[in-house]
PDB file of N, CA and C in Angstrom:
ATOM      1  N   MET A   1      -1.978  17.754  19.011  1.00  0.00           N
ATOM      2  CA  MET A   1      -1.227  16.525  19.052  1.00  0.00           C
ATOM      3  C   MET A   1      -1.963  15.460  19.866  1.00  0.00           C
ATOM      4  N   GLY A   2      -2.858  15.876  20.722  1.00  0.00           N
ATOM      5  CA  GLY A   2      -3.558  14.912  21.551  1.00  0.00           C
ATOM      6  C   GLY A   2      -4.399  13.951  20.730  1.00  0.00           C
ATOM      7  N   SER A   3      -4.992  14.447  19.667  1.00  0.00           N
ATOM      8  CA  SER A   3      -5.822  13.563  18.848  1.00  0.00           C
ATOM      9  C   SER A   3      -4.977  12.574  18.066  1.00  0.00           C
ATOM     10  N   ALA A   4      -3.757  12.980  17.681  1.00  0.00           N
ATOM     11  CA  ALA A   4      -2.889  12.053  16.953  1.00  0.00           C
ATOM     12  C   ALA A   4      -2.468  10.899  17.843  1.00  0.00           C
ATOM     13  N   THR A   5      -2.173  11.210  19.100  1.00  0.00           N
ATOM     14  CA  THR A   5      -1.765  10.160  20.029  1.00  0.00           C
ATOM     15  C   THR A   5      -2.924   9.214  20.306  1.00  0.00           C
ATOM     16  N   SER A   6      -4.107   9.762  20.514  1.00  0.00           N
ATOM     17  CA  SER A   6      -5.253   8.906  20.797  1.00  0.00           C
ATOM     18  C   SER A   6      -5.625   8.064  19.575  1.00  0.00           C
ATOM     19  N   SER A   7      -5.478   8.612  18.378  1.00  0.00           N
ATOM     20  CA  SER A   7      -5.800   7.827  17.187  1.00  0.00           C
ATOM     21  C   SER A   7      -4.777   6.710  16.987  1.00  0.00           C
ATOM     22  N   ARG A   8      -3.505   6.975  17.337  1.00  0.00           N
ATOM     23  CA  ARG A   8      -2.491   5.917  17.235  1.00  0.00           C
ATOM     24  C   ARG A   8      -2.746   4.826  18.252  1.00  0.00           C
ATOM     25  N   SER A   9      -3.104   5.206  19.484  1.00  0.00           N
ATOM     26  CA  SER A   9      -3.380   4.179  20.490  1.00  0.00           C
ATOM     27  C   SER A   9      -4.639   3.400  20.121  1.00  0.00           C
ATOM     28  N   ARG A  10      -5.603   4.090  19.560  1.00  0.00           N
ATOM     29  CA  ARG A  10      -6.819   3.399  19.126  1.00  0.00           C
ATOM     30  C   ARG A  10      -6.509   2.444  17.979  1.00  0.00           C
ATOM     31  N   ALA A  11      -5.663   2.887  17.035  1.00  0.00           N
ATOM     32  CA  ALA A  11      -5.278   2.025  15.918  1.00  0.00           C
ATOM     33  C   ALA A  11      -4.496   0.811  16.427  1.00  0.00           C
ATOM     34  N   SER A  12      -3.629   1.031  17.396  1.00  0.00           N
ATOM     35  CA  SER A  12      -2.875  -0.094  17.972  1.00  0.00           C
ATOM     36  C   SER A  12      -3.820  -1.075  18.656  1.00  0.00           C
ATOM     37  N   TRP A  13      -4.771  -0.540  19.402  1.00  0.00           N
ATOM     38  CA  TRP A  13      -5.720  -1.402  20.096  1.00  0.00           C
ATOM     39  C   TRP A  13      -6.551  -2.198  19.089  1.00  0.00           C
ATOM     40  N   LEU A  14      -6.999  -1.552  18.019  1.00  0.00           N
ATOM     41  CA  LEU A  14      -7.783  -2.251  17.002  1.00  0.00           C
ATOM     42  C   LEU A  14      -6.944  -3.301  16.275  1.00  0.00           C
ATOM     43  N   ALA A  15      -5.655  -3.000  16.046  1.00  0.00           N
ATOM     44  CA  ALA A  15      -4.778  -3.980  15.408  1.00  0.00           C
ATOM     45  C   ALA A  15      -4.594  -5.207  16.304  1.00  0.00           C
ATOM     46  N   LEU A  16      -4.422  -4.983  17.595  1.00  0.00           N
ATOM     47  CA  LEU A  16      -4.298  -6.118  18.528  1.00  0.00           C
ATOM     48  C   LEU A  16      -5.587  -6.924  18.594  1.00  0.00           C
ATOM     49  N   LEU A  17      -6.708  -6.251  18.599  1.00  0.00           N
ATOM     50  CA  LEU A  17      -7.994  -6.944  18.619  1.00  0.00           C
ATOM     51  C   LEU A  17      -8.190  -7.757  17.343  1.00  0.00           C
ATOM     52  N   SER A  18      -7.803  -7.200  16.212  1.00  0.00           N
ATOM     53  CA  SER A  18      -7.918  -7.929  14.947  1.00  0.00           C
ATOM     54  C   SER A  18      -7.006  -9.148  14.928  1.00  0.00           C
ATOM     55  N   ALA A  19      -5.775  -8.988  15.428  1.00  0.00           N
ATOM     56  CA  ALA A  19      -4.845 -10.120  15.484  1.00  0.00           C
ATOM     57  C   ALA A  19      -5.379 -11.213  16.404  1.00  0.00           C
ATOM     58  N   PHE A  20      -5.952 -10.826  17.529  1.00  0.00           N
ATOM     59  CA  PHE A  20      -6.531 -11.810  18.445  1.00  0.00           C
ATOM     60  C   PHE A  20      -7.690 -12.542  17.792  1.00  0.00           C
ATOM     61  N   THR A  21      -8.556 -11.802  17.114  1.00  0.00           N
ATOM     62  CA  THR A  21      -9.702 -12.410  16.447  1.00  0.00           C
ATOM     63  C   THR A  21      -9.248 -13.381  15.354  1.00  0.00           C
ATOM     64  N   ALA A  22      -8.247 -12.975  14.581  1.00  0.00           N
ATOM     65  CA  ALA A  22      -7.720 -13.867  13.542  1.00  0.00           C
ATOM     66  C   ALA A  22      -7.095 -15.112  14.165  1.00  0.00           C
ATOM     67  N   GLY A  23      -6.387 -14.947  15.272  1.00  0.00           N
ATOM     68  CA  GLY A  23      -5.784 -16.093  15.954  1.00  0.00           C
ATOM     69  C   GLY A  23      -6.828 -17.064  16.470  1.00  0.00           C
ATOM     70  N   VAL A  24      -7.888 -16.542  17.041  1.00  0.00           N
ATOM     71  CA  VAL A  24      -8.963 -17.407  17.537  1.00  0.00           C
ATOM     72  C   VAL A  24      -9.614 -18.147  16.369  1.00  0.00           C
ATOM     73  N   GLY A  25      -9.854 -17.441  15.277  1.00  0.00           N
ATOM     74  CA  GLY A  25     -10.455 -18.083  14.104  1.00  0.00           C
ATOM     75  C   GLY A  25      -9.561 -19.161  13.526  1.00  0.00           C
ATOM     76  N   LEU A  26      -8.259 -18.883  13.423  1.00  0.00           N
ATOM     77  CA  LEU A  26      -7.329 -19.883  12.902  1.00  0.00           C
ATOM     78  C   LEU A  26      -7.210 -21.074  13.848  1.00  0.00           C
ATOM     79  N   GLY A  27      -7.241 -20.806  15.138  1.00  0.00           N
ATOM     80  CA  GLY A  27      -7.209 -21.906  16.110  1.00  0.00           C
ATOM     81  C   GLY A  27      -8.421 -22.803  15.977  1.00  0.00           C
ATOM     82  N   PHE A  28      -9.587 -22.203  15.789  1.00  0.00           N
ATOM     83  CA  PHE A  28     -10.808 -22.985  15.604  1.00  0.00           C
ATOM     84  C   PHE A  28     -10.719 -23.835  14.343  1.00  0.00           C
ATOM     85  N   LEU A  29     -10.251 -23.218  13.239  1.00  0.00           N
ATOM     86  CA  LEU A  29     -10.126 -23.969  11.992  1.00  0.00           C
ATOM     87  C   LEU A  29      -9.097 -25.091  12.117  1.00  0.00           C
ATOM     88  N   ALA A  30      -8.005 -24.827  12.797  1.00  0.00           N
ATOM     89  CA  ALA A  30      -6.990 -25.862  12.993  1.00  0.00           C
ATOM     90  C   ALA A  30      -7.544 -27.021  13.805  1.00  0.00           C
ATOM     91  N   HIS A  31      -8.370 -26.715  14.786  1.00  0.00           N
ATOM     92  CA  HIS A  31      -8.971 -27.778  15.592  1.00  0.00           C
ATOM     93  C   HIS A  31      -9.951 -28.604  14.753  1.00  0.00           C
ATOM     94  N   GLU A  32     -10.741 -27.931  13.930  1.00  0.00           N
ATOM     95  CA  GLU A  32     -11.740 -28.628  13.124  1.00  0.00           C
ATOM     96  C   GLU A  32     -11.118 -29.472  12.010  1.00  0.00           C
ATOM     97  N   TYR A  33     -10.015 -28.989  11.420  1.00  0.00           N
ATOM     98  CA  TYR A  33      -9.406 -29.665  10.278  1.00  0.00           C
ATOM     99  C   TYR A  33      -8.020 -30.211  10.604  1.00  0.00           C
ATOM    100  N   ARG A  34      -7.905 -30.807  11.778  1.00  0.00           N
ATOM    101  CA  ARG A  34      -6.630 -31.323  12.258  1.00  0.00           C
ATOM    102  C   ARG A  34      -6.043 -32.372  11.316  1.00  0.00           C
ATOM    103  N   GLU A  35      -6.843 -33.280  10.826  1.00  0.00           N
ATOM    104  CA  GLU A  35      -6.344 -34.356   9.955  1.00  0.00           C
ATOM    105  C   GLU A  35      -5.801 -33.800   8.639  1.00  0.00           C
ATOM    106  N   VAL A  36      -6.475 -32.799   8.088  1.00  0.00           N
ATOM    107  CA  VAL A  36      -6.038 -32.196   6.835  1.00  0.00           C
ATOM    108  C   VAL A  36      -4.700 -31.483   7.027  1.00  0.00           C
ATOM    109  N   ILE A  37      -4.553 -30.806   8.148  1.00  0.00           N
ATOM    110  CA  ILE A  37      -3.311 -30.076   8.421  1.00  0.00           C
ATOM    111  C   ILE A  37      -2.147 -31.042   8.583  1.00  0.00           C
ATOM    112  N   VAL A  38      -2.369 -32.130   9.294  1.00  0.00           N
ATOM    113  CA  VAL A  38      -1.297 -33.111   9.512  1.00  0.00           C
ATOM    114  C   VAL A  38      -0.934 -33.800   8.199  1.00  0.00           C
ATOM    115  N   ALA A  39      -1.895 -33.982   7.308  1.00  0.00           N
ATOM    116  CA  ALA A  39      -1.646 -34.676   6.049  1.00  0.00           C
ATOM    117  C   ALA A  39      -0.917 -33.795   5.034  1.00  0.00           C
ATOM    118  N   ASN A  40      -0.968 -32.475   5.162  1.00  0.00           N
ATOM    119  CA  ASN A  40      -0.378 -31.563   4.172  1.00  0.00           C
ATOM    120  C   ASN A  40       0.553 -30.541   4.823  1.00  0.00           C
ATOM    121  N   PRO A  41       1.652 -30.956   5.421  1.00  0.00           N
ATOM    122  CA  PRO A  41       2.518 -29.981   6.103  1.00  0.00           C
ATOM    123  C   PRO A  41       3.257 -29.050   5.131  1.00  0.00           C
ATOM    124  N   GLY A  42       3.554 -29.512   3.913  1.00  0.00           N
ATOM    125  CA  GLY A  42       4.255 -28.667   2.944  1.00  0.00           C
ATOM    126  C   GLY A  42       3.437 -27.462   2.529  1.00  0.00           C
ATOM    127  N   ILE A  43       2.169 -27.685   2.257  1.00  0.00           N
ATOM    128  CA  ILE A  43       1.287 -26.597   1.848  1.00  0.00           C
ATOM    129  C   ILE A  43       1.082 -25.624   3.002  1.00  0.00           C
ATOM    130  N   ILE A  44       0.977 -26.148   4.215  1.00  0.00           N
ATOM    131  CA  ILE A  44       0.824 -25.280   5.383  1.00  0.00           C
ATOM    132  C   ILE A  44       2.077 -24.425   5.549  1.00  0.00           C
ATOM    133  N   GLY A  45       3.256 -25.018   5.369  1.00  0.00           N
ATOM    134  CA  GLY A  45       4.502 -24.265   5.480  1.00  0.00           C
ATOM    135  C   GLY A  45       4.600 -23.164   4.439  1.00  0.00           C
ATOM    136  N   LEU A  46       4.235 -23.485   3.197  1.00  0.00           N
ATOM    137  CA  LEU A  46       4.249 -22.462   2.142  1.00  0.00           C
ATOM    138  C   LEU A  46       3.238 -21.346   2.422  1.00  0.00           C
ATOM    139  N   THR A  47       2.096 -21.718   2.932  1.00  0.00           N
ATOM    140  CA  THR A  47       1.087 -20.716   3.272  1.00  0.00           C
ATOM    141  C   THR A  47       1.602 -19.786   4.364  1.00  0.00           C
ATOM    142  N   LEU A  48       2.228 -20.348   5.382  1.00  0.00           N
ATOM    143  CA  LEU A  48       2.792 -19.522   6.443  1.00  0.00           C
ATOM    144  C   LEU A  48       3.883 -18.606   5.909  1.00  0.00           C
ATOM    145  N   LEU A  49       4.699 -19.111   5.007  1.00  0.00           N
ATOM    146  CA  LEU A  49       5.740 -18.293   4.400  1.00  0.00           C
ATOM    147  C   LEU A  49       5.137 -17.121   3.639  1.00  0.00           C
ATOM    148  N   VAL A  50       4.091 -17.384   2.869  1.00  0.00           N
ATOM    149  CA  VAL A  50       3.426 -16.315   2.113  1.00  0.00           C
ATOM    150  C   VAL A  50       2.791 -15.299   3.061  1.00  0.00           C
ATOM    151  N   VAL A  51       2.182 -15.753   4.141  1.00  0.00           N
ATOM    152  CA  VAL A  51       1.550 -14.839   5.099  1.00  0.00           C
ATOM    153  C   VAL A  51       2.599 -13.948   5.752  1.00  0.00           C
ATOM    154  N   PHE A  52       3.721 -14.527   6.175  1.00  0.00           N
ATOM    155  CA  PHE A  52       4.764 -13.721   6.800  1.00  0.00           C
ATOM    156  C   PHE A  52       5.386 -12.749   5.802  1.00  0.00           C
ATOM    157  N   ALA A  53       5.566 -13.176   4.553  1.00  0.00           N
ATOM    158  CA  ALA A  53       6.103 -12.277   3.527  1.00  0.00           C
ATOM    159  C   ALA A  53       5.138 -11.125   3.267  1.00  0.00           C
ATOM    160  N   ALA A  54       3.851 -11.413   3.222  1.00  0.00           N
ATOM    161  CA  ALA A  54       2.857 -10.354   3.010  1.00  0.00           C
ATOM    162  C   ALA A  54       2.868  -9.378   4.185  1.00  0.00           C
ATOM    163  N   GLY A  55       2.982  -9.888   5.393  1.00  0.00           N
ATOM    164  CA  GLY A  55       3.066  -9.012   6.563  1.00  0.00           C
ATOM    165  C   GLY A  55       4.288  -8.120   6.518  1.00  0.00           C
ATOM    166  N   TYR A  56       5.413  -8.685   6.093  1.00  0.00           N
ATOM    167  CA  TYR A  56       6.644  -7.900   5.984  1.00  0.00           C
ATOM    168  C   TYR A  56       6.510  -6.815   4.920  1.00  0.00           C
ATOM    169  N   LEU A  57       5.892  -7.154   3.781  1.00  0.00           N
ATOM    170  CA  LEU A  57       5.691  -6.163   2.726  1.00  0.00           C
ATOM    171  C   LEU A  57       4.745  -5.050   3.172  1.00  0.00           C
ATOM    172  N   ILE A  58       3.726  -5.409   3.920  1.00  0.00           N
ATOM    173  CA  ILE A  58       2.806  -4.396   4.442  1.00  0.00           C
ATOM    174  C   ILE A  58       3.545  -3.478   5.402  1.00  0.00           C
ATOM    175  N   ARG A  59       4.408  -4.055   6.237  1.00  0.00           N
ATOM    176  CA  ARG A  59       5.194  -3.256   7.173  1.00  0.00           C
ATOM    177  C   ARG A  59       6.101  -2.281   6.424  1.00  0.00           C
ATOM    178  N   LEU A  60       6.764  -2.760   5.372  1.00  0.00           N
ATOM    179  CA  LEU A  60       7.619  -1.883   4.574  1.00  0.00           C
ATOM    180  C   LEU A  60       6.815  -0.767   3.918  1.00  0.00           C
ATOM    181  N   ALA A  61       5.629  -1.085   3.428  1.00  0.00           N
ATOM    182  CA  ALA A  61       4.789  -0.073   2.781  1.00  0.00           C
ATOM    183  C   ALA A  61       4.347   0.991   3.782  1.00  0.00           C
ATOM    184  N   VAL A  62       3.991   0.562   4.981  1.00  0.00           N
ATOM    185  CA  VAL A  62       3.563   1.520   6.011  1.00  0.00           C
ATOM    186  C   VAL A  62       4.722   2.434   6.386  1.00  0.00           C
ATOM    187  N   ARG A  63       5.909   1.880   6.553  1.00  0.00           N
ATOM    188  CA  ARG A  63       7.077   2.703   6.890  1.00  0.00           C
ATOM    189  C   ARG A  63       7.372   3.707   5.780  1.00  0.00           C
ATOM    190  N   ALA A  64       7.292   3.266   4.519  1.00  0.00           N
ATOM    191  CA  ALA A  64       7.552   4.165   3.401  1.00  0.00           C
ATOM    192  C   ALA A  64       6.515   5.284   3.343  1.00  0.00           C
ATOM    193  N   LEU A  65       5.264   4.952   3.579  1.00  0.00           N
ATOM    194  CA  LEU A  65       4.216   5.974   3.562  1.00  0.00           C
ATOM    195  C   LEU A  65       4.380   6.962   4.710  1.00  0.00           C
ATOM    196  N   ARG A  66       4.785   6.476   5.884  1.00  0.00           N
ATOM    197  CA  ARG A  66       5.015   7.384   7.006  1.00  0.00           C
ATOM    198  C   ARG A  66       6.178   8.325   6.713  1.00  0.00           C
ATOM    199  N   ARG A  67       7.259   7.777   6.125  1.00  0.00           N
ATOM    200  CA  ARG A  67       8.404   8.622   5.774  1.00  0.00           C
ATOM    201  C   ARG A  67       8.001   9.675   4.749  1.00  0.00           C
ATOM    202  N   ALA A  68       7.233   9.263   3.758  1.00  0.00           N
ATOM    203  CA  ALA A  68       6.781  10.217   2.736  1.00  0.00           C
ATOM    204  C   ALA A  68       5.880  11.282   3.358  1.00  0.00           C
ATOM    205  N   GLY A  69       5.025  10.875   4.268  1.00  0.00           N
ATOM    206  CA  GLY A  69       4.147  11.829   4.934  1.00  0.00           C
ATOM    207  C   GLY A  69       4.915  12.841   5.760  1.00  0.00           C
ATOM    208  N   SER A  70       5.961  12.379   6.450  1.00  0.00           N
ATOM    209  CA  SER A  70       6.750  13.323   7.243  1.00  0.00           C
ATOM    210  C   SER A  70       7.521  14.280   6.339  1.00  0.00           C
ATOM    211  N   ARG A  71       7.960  13.803   5.175  1.00  0.00           N
ATOM    212  CA  ARG A  71       8.644  14.691   4.227  1.00  0.00           C
ATOM    213  C   ARG A  71       7.692  15.755   3.691  1.00  0.00           C
ATOM    214  N   VAL A  72       6.462  15.342   3.390  1.00  0.00           N
ATOM    215  CA  VAL A  72       5.471  16.294   2.904  1.00  0.00           C
ATOM    216  C   VAL A  72       5.162  17.317   3.996  1.00  0.00           C
ATOM    217  N   ASP A  73       5.038  16.868   5.233  1.00  0.00           N
ATOM    218  CA  ASP A  73       4.794  17.793   6.344  1.00  0.00           C
ATOM    219  C   ASP A  73       5.933  18.793   6.489  1.00  0.00           C
ATOM    220  N   THR A  74       7.169  18.331   6.335  1.00  0.00           N
ATOM    221  CA  THR A  74       8.324  19.219   6.431  1.00  0.00           C
ATOM    222  C   THR A  74       8.313  20.250   5.310  1.00  0.00           C
ATOM    223  N   ILE A  75       8.024  19.811   4.099  1.00  0.00           N
ATOM    224  CA  ILE A  75       7.972  20.739   2.960  1.00  0.00           C
ATOM    225  C   ILE A  75       6.874  21.772   3.156  1.00  0.00           C
ATOM    226  N   LEU A  76       5.709  21.338   3.596  1.00  0.00           N
ATOM    227  CA  LEU A  76       4.606  22.276   3.817  1.00  0.00           C
ATOM    228  C   LEU A  76       4.947  23.273   4.918  1.00  0.00           C
ATOM    229  N   ALA A  77       5.586  22.804   5.988  1.00  0.00           N
ATOM    230  CA  ALA A  77       5.958  23.710   7.075  1.00  0.00           C
ATOM    231  C   ALA A  77       6.960  24.750   6.589  1.00  0.00           C
ATOM    232  N   GLU A  78       7.917  24.343   5.768  1.00  0.00           N
ATOM    233  CA  GLU A  78       8.893  25.293   5.230  1.00  0.00           C
ATOM    234  C   GLU A  78       8.224  26.303   4.307  1.00  0.00           C
ATOM    235  N   GLU A  79       7.314  25.848   3.483  1.00  0.00           N
ATOM    236  CA  GLU A  79       6.643  26.754   2.557  1.00  0.00           C
ATOM    237  C   GLU A  79       5.734  27.728   3.298  1.00  0.00           C
ATOM    238  N   LEU A  80       5.090  27.283   4.341  1.00  0.00           N
ATOM    239  CA  LEU A  80       4.206  28.179   5.092  1.00  0.00           C
ATOM    240  C   LEU A  80       5.003  29.221   5.855  1.00  0.00           C
ATOM    241  N   GLU A  81       6.225  28.904   6.258  1.00  0.00           N
ATOM    242  CA  GLU A  81       7.059  29.885   6.948  1.00  0.00           C
ATOM    243  C   GLU A  81       7.508  30.986   5.991  1.00  0.00           C
ATOM    244  N   LYS A  82       7.704  30.649   4.723  1.00  0.00           N
ATOM    245  CA  LYS A  82       8.178  31.620   3.736  1.00  0.00           C
ATOM    246  C   LYS A  82       7.083  32.575   3.277  1.00  0.00           C
ATOM    247  N   LYS A  83       5.854  32.221   3.518  1.00  0.00           N
ATOM    248  CA  LYS A  83       4.727  33.019   3.062  1.00  0.00           C
ATOM    249  C   LYS A  83       4.658  34.339   3.837  1.00  0.00           C
ATOM    250  N   PRO A  84       4.443  35.438   3.143  1.00  0.00           N
ATOM    251  CA  PRO A  84       4.323  36.720   3.868  1.00  0.00           C
ATOM    252  C   PRO A  84       3.023  36.767   4.660  1.00  0.00           C
ATOM    253  N   SER A  85       3.061  37.521   5.722  1.00  0.00           N
ATOM    254  CA  SER A  85       1.889  37.672   6.557  1.00  0.00           C
ATOM    255  C   SER A  85       0.794  38.427   5.805  1.00  0.00           C
ATOM    256  N   PRO A  86      -0.466  38.018   5.955  1.00  0.00           N
ATOM    257  CA  PRO A  86      -1.540  38.709   5.231  1.00  0.00           C
ATOM    258  C   PRO A  86      -1.804  40.116   5.797  1.00  0.00           C
ATOM    259  N   ARG A  87      -1.391  40.372   7.040  1.00  0.00           N
ATOM    260  CA  ARG A  87      -1.597  41.686   7.640  1.00  0.00           C
ATOM    261  C   ARG A  87      -0.363  42.558   7.404  1.00  0.00           C
ATOM    262  N   PRO A  88      -0.548  43.806   7.054  1.00  0.00           N
ATOM    263  CA  PRO A  88       0.611  44.691   6.904  1.00  0.00           C
ATOM    264  C   PRO A  88       1.231  44.983   8.256  1.00  0.00           C
ATOM    265  N   ARG A  89       2.546  45.141   8.260  1.00  0.00           N
ATOM    266  CA  ARG A  89       3.244  45.437   9.527  1.00  0.00           C
ATOM    267  C   ARG A  89       3.554  46.873   9.638  1.00  0.00           C
TER     268      ARG A  89
END
């Protein structure tokens, strides 16, 4: 279980680093193209809506995959318990 915890913390750390990097990049672009952003607020709003919707869908997909994975783990654990021992008793 130790490796699962470390891989989750590593994944969390990498996700935070990626979010920070994306934020810095978007901040730089916003600074460079300030006039364009101010001139087109509707398109920026729609873009933000699409980004948040995509993030929400990704979150739902991850939750569904985790639930499916835990169900598969439960089924495998039950099946392995039912298996007879390879050594005679």
